[in-house]
């Protein structure tokens, strides 16, 4: 019969072997756990890649939308600028033409005065004096006409200066005619 003394060591040995895994089983279990961890990591990485791709697509759509809106605003601003440029050029052209028309009327009136003055001067002065007087007045008249040509190159920033120059030459012509009338 088995006594406690003999049974106990056998029970301990059997329980040790029954409770312990063999090294091969432990290694297989560890490999399975590692494979499961790698699979989980791959799933998480795959899920993360999908989310990153979604975020990238959303960001790309938002960027495209922002670029389209910016391009539209830029295009609208360019159209507005073009319209304002056309308006400004039309206003400048009209201002040039107004100055040209009023100055031309003044010159024509002053040139009639020169013609009348010539007739009167020929009766009171020598031909040489009349020719010199008329030449001087014609030179001043031509200076006014040259200054009118400067209007074509005038910009909105210097139009007032050009206009002042034209007006000054017209005044010089008028004064010269008035001085000549007093002499005659």
Protein backbone atom coordinates (compact mmCIF):
# COMPACT_ATOMS: atom_id res chain seq x y z
CA UNK A 1 0.00 0.00 0.00
CA UNK A 2 0.96 3.34 -0.57
CA UNK A 3 1.78 5.28 2.38
CA UNK A 4 1.68 8.96 2.77
CA UNK A 5 5.41 9.02 2.64
CA UNK A 6 5.61 7.46 -0.74
CA UNK A 7 2.45 9.04 -2.10
CA UNK A 8 3.40 12.58 -1.24
CA UNK A 9 6.58 12.77 -3.27
CA UNK A 10 4.82 11.17 -6.24
CA UNK A 11 1.91 13.60 -5.96
CA UNK A 12 4.29 16.55 -5.79
CA UNK A 13 6.21 15.40 -8.86
CA UNK A 14 3.01 14.70 -10.81
CA UNK A 15 1.51 18.07 -9.81
CA UNK A 16 4.69 19.86 -10.79
CA UNK A 17 4.62 18.20 -14.19
CA UNK A 18 0.89 18.68 -14.59
CA UNK A 19 0.96 22.39 -13.51
CA UNK A 20 3.98 23.37 -15.60
CA UNK A 21 4.02 23.78 -19.28
CA UNK A 22 6.72 22.39 -21.31
CA UNK A 23 9.17 24.93 -22.82
CA UNK A 24 7.87 24.14 -26.32
CA UNK A 25 4.31 24.95 -25.31
CA UNK A 26 5.39 28.20 -23.70
CA UNK A 27 7.34 29.18 -26.82
CA UNK A 28 4.36 28.39 -29.08
CA UNK A 29 2.11 30.41 -26.81
CA UNK A 30 4.55 33.35 -26.91
CA UNK A 31 4.76 33.14 -30.70
CA UNK A 32 0.97 33.15 -30.96
CA UNK A 33 0.77 36.17 -28.65
CA UNK A 34 3.42 37.93 -30.73
CA UNK A 35 1.55 37.15 -33.97
CA UNK A 36 -1.69 38.44 -32.43
CA UNK A 37 0.11 41.62 -31.31
CA UNK A 38 1.60 42.09 -34.79
CA UNK A 39 -1.79 41.53 -36.37
CA UNK A 40 -3.39 44.04 -34.00
CA UNK A 41 -0.58 46.53 -34.74
CA UNK A 42 -1.10 46.00 -38.48
CA UNK A 43 -4.85 46.57 -38.08
CA UNK A 44 -4.25 49.74 -36.05
CA UNK A 45 -1.67 50.96 -38.61
CA UNK A 46 -4.10 50.19 -41.44
CA UNK A 47 -6.89 52.06 -39.65
CA UNK A 48 -4.52 54.94 -38.98
CA UNK A 49 -3.49 55.03 -42.66
CA UNK A 50 -7.16 55.20 -43.66
CA UNK A 51 -7.80 58.09 -41.27
CA UNK A 52 -4.69 59.94 -42.48
CA UNK A 53 -5.82 59.42 -46.09
CA UNK A 54 -9.28 60.78 -45.22
CA UNK A 55 -7.72 63.79 -43.51
CA UNK A 56 -5.41 64.35 -46.49
CA UNK A 57 -8.37 64.17 -48.90
CA UNK A 58 -10.39 66.56 -46.76
CA UNK A 59 -7.43 68.95 -46.52
CA UNK A 60 -6.90 68.73 -50.27
CA UNK A 61 -10.57 69.51 -50.91
CA UNK A 62 -10.43 72.45 -48.51
CA UNK A 63 -7.22 73.70 -50.12
CA UNK A 64 -8.72 73.39 -53.59
CA UNK A 65 -11.83 75.22 -52.42
CA UNK A 66 -9.75 77.98 -50.83
CA UNK A 67 -7.63 78.29 -53.98
CA UNK A 68 -10.73 78.49 -56.18
CA UNK A 69 -12.23 81.17 -53.92
CA UNK A 70 -8.96 83.13 -53.89
CA UNK A 71 -8.69 82.85 -57.68
CA UNK A 72 -12.28 84.06 -58.05
CA UNK A 73 -11.62 87.02 -55.74
CA UNK A 74 -8.43 87.83 -57.61
CA UNK A 75 -10.26 87.59 -60.93
CA UNK A 76 -13.05 89.86 -59.64
CA UNK A 77 -10.47 92.36 -58.38
CA UNK A 78 -8.72 92.30 -61.76
CA UNK A 79 -12.03 92.91 -63.55
CA UNK A 80 -12.84 95.79 -61.18
CA UNK A 81 -9.37 97.25 -61.68
CA UNK A 82 -9.74 96.96 -65.44
CA UNK A 83 -13.13 98.70 -65.33
CA UNK A 84 -11.72 101.50 -63.17
CA UNK A 85 -8.74 101.85 -65.50
CA UNK A 86 -11.06 102.16 -68.50
CA UNK A 87 -13.16 104.75 -66.64
CA UNK A 88 -10.06 106.70 -65.60
CA UNK A 89 -8.70 106.65 -69.15
CA UNK A 90 -12.04 107.88 -70.49
CA UNK A 91 -12.11 110.70 -67.92
CA UNK A 92 -8.52 111.63 -68.74
CA UNK A 93 -9.27 111.59 -72.45
CA UNK A 94 -12.32 113.81 -71.90
CA UNK A 95 -10.32 116.22 -69.75
CA UNK A 96 -7.61 116.42 -72.42
CA UNK A 97 -10.19 117.06 -75.11
CA UNK A 98 -11.93 119.74 -73.02
CA UNK A 99 -8.64 121.58 -72.54
CA UNK A 100 -7.79 121.18 -76.21
CA UNK A 101 -11.20 122.46 -77.37
CA UNK A 102 -11.31 125.50 -75.10
CA UNK A 103 -7.69 126.42 -75.87
CA UNK A 104 -8.24 126.00 -79.61
CA UNK A 105 -11.21 128.38 -79.44
CA UNK A 106 -9.08 130.90 -77.57
CA UNK A 107 -6.21 130.57 -80.07
CA UNK A 108 -8.54 130.99 -83.02
CA UNK A 109 -9.95 134.16 -81.46
CA UNK A 110 -6.47 135.48 -80.73
CA UNK A 111 -5.27 134.66 -84.25
CA UNK A 112 -8.20 136.70 -85.65
CA UNK A 113 -6.97 139.54 -83.45
CA UNK A 114 -3.49 139.10 -84.96
CA UNK A 115 -4.92 139.28 -88.49
CA UNK A 116 -6.85 142.47 -87.64
CA UNK A 117 -3.79 143.87 -85.91
CA UNK A 118 -1.69 143.20 -88.99
CA UNK A 119 -4.06 145.15 -91.14
CA UNK A 120 -3.96 148.13 -88.74
CA UNK A 121 -0.18 147.85 -88.26
CA UNK A 122 0.47 147.88 -92.01
CA UNK A 123 -1.12 151.33 -92.16
CA UNK A 124 0.99 152.75 -89.29
CA UNK A 125 4.29 150.79 -89.34
CA UNK A 126 6.95 149.81 -91.83
CA UNK A 127 6.72 146.40 -93.50
CA UNK A 128 9.79 145.16 -91.58
CA UNK A 129 8.28 146.19 -88.24
CA UNK A 130 4.94 144.60 -89.11
CA UNK A 131 6.62 141.36 -90.24
CA UNK A 132 8.68 141.24 -87.04
CA UNK A 133 5.60 141.92 -84.88
CA UNK A 134 3.48 139.33 -86.67
CA UNK A 135 6.33 136.79 -86.56
CA UNK A 136 6.65 137.27 -82.80
CA UNK A 137 2.90 136.76 -82.34
CA UNK A 138 2.87 133.73 -84.65
CA UNK A 139 5.77 132.19 -82.67
CA UNK A 140 3.78 132.60 -79.46
CA UNK A 141 0.73 131.10 -81.15
CA UNK A 142 2.82 128.14 -82.34
CA UNK A 143 4.15 127.70 -78.77
CA UNK A 144 0.54 127.37 -77.60
CA UNK A 145 -0.17 124.79 -80.29
CA UNK A 146 2.97 122.81 -79.33
CA UNK A 147 1.87 122.83 -75.70
CA UNK A 148 -1.47 121.42 -76.84
CA UNK A 149 0.45 118.45 -78.27
CA UNK A 150 1.83 117.86 -74.77
CA UNK A 151 -1.71 117.02 -73.72
CA UNK A 152 -1.49 113.73 -75.62
CA UNK A 153 1.29 112.58 -73.31
CA UNK A 154 -0.29 114.01 -70.15
CA UNK A 155 -1.25 111.55 -67.45
CA UNK A 156 -3.83 112.01 -64.74
CA UNK A 157 -1.05 112.97 -62.33
CA UNK A 158 0.47 115.72 -64.49
CA UNK A 159 -2.56 116.92 -66.47
CA UNK A 160 -3.00 119.97 -64.24
CA UNK A 161 0.64 120.98 -64.78
CA UNK A 162 0.31 120.59 -68.55
CA UNK A 163 -2.94 122.56 -68.49
CA UNK A 164 -1.23 125.34 -66.50
CA UNK A 165 1.55 125.42 -69.10
CA UNK A 166 -0.99 125.72 -71.91
CA UNK A 167 -2.90 128.44 -70.07
CA UNK A 168 0.34 130.31 -69.39
CA UNK A 169 1.27 130.28 -73.08
CA UNK A 170 -2.22 131.46 -74.03
CA UNK A 171 -1.88 134.33 -71.54
CA UNK A 172 1.55 135.20 -72.96
CA UNK A 173 0.05 135.33 -76.46
CA UNK A 174 -2.86 137.45 -75.27
CA UNK A 175 -0.52 139.90 -73.48
CA UNK A 176 1.70 140.14 -76.55
CA UNK A 177 -1.36 140.93 -78.70
CA UNK A 178 -2.57 143.55 -76.20
CA UNK A 179 0.91 145.14 -76.13
CA UNK A 180 0.99 145.18 -79.93
CA UNK A 181 -2.47 146.77 -80.07
CA UNK A 182 -1.27 149.59 -77.80
CA UNK A 183 1.71 150.23 -80.08
CA UNK A 184 -0.43 150.34 -83.17
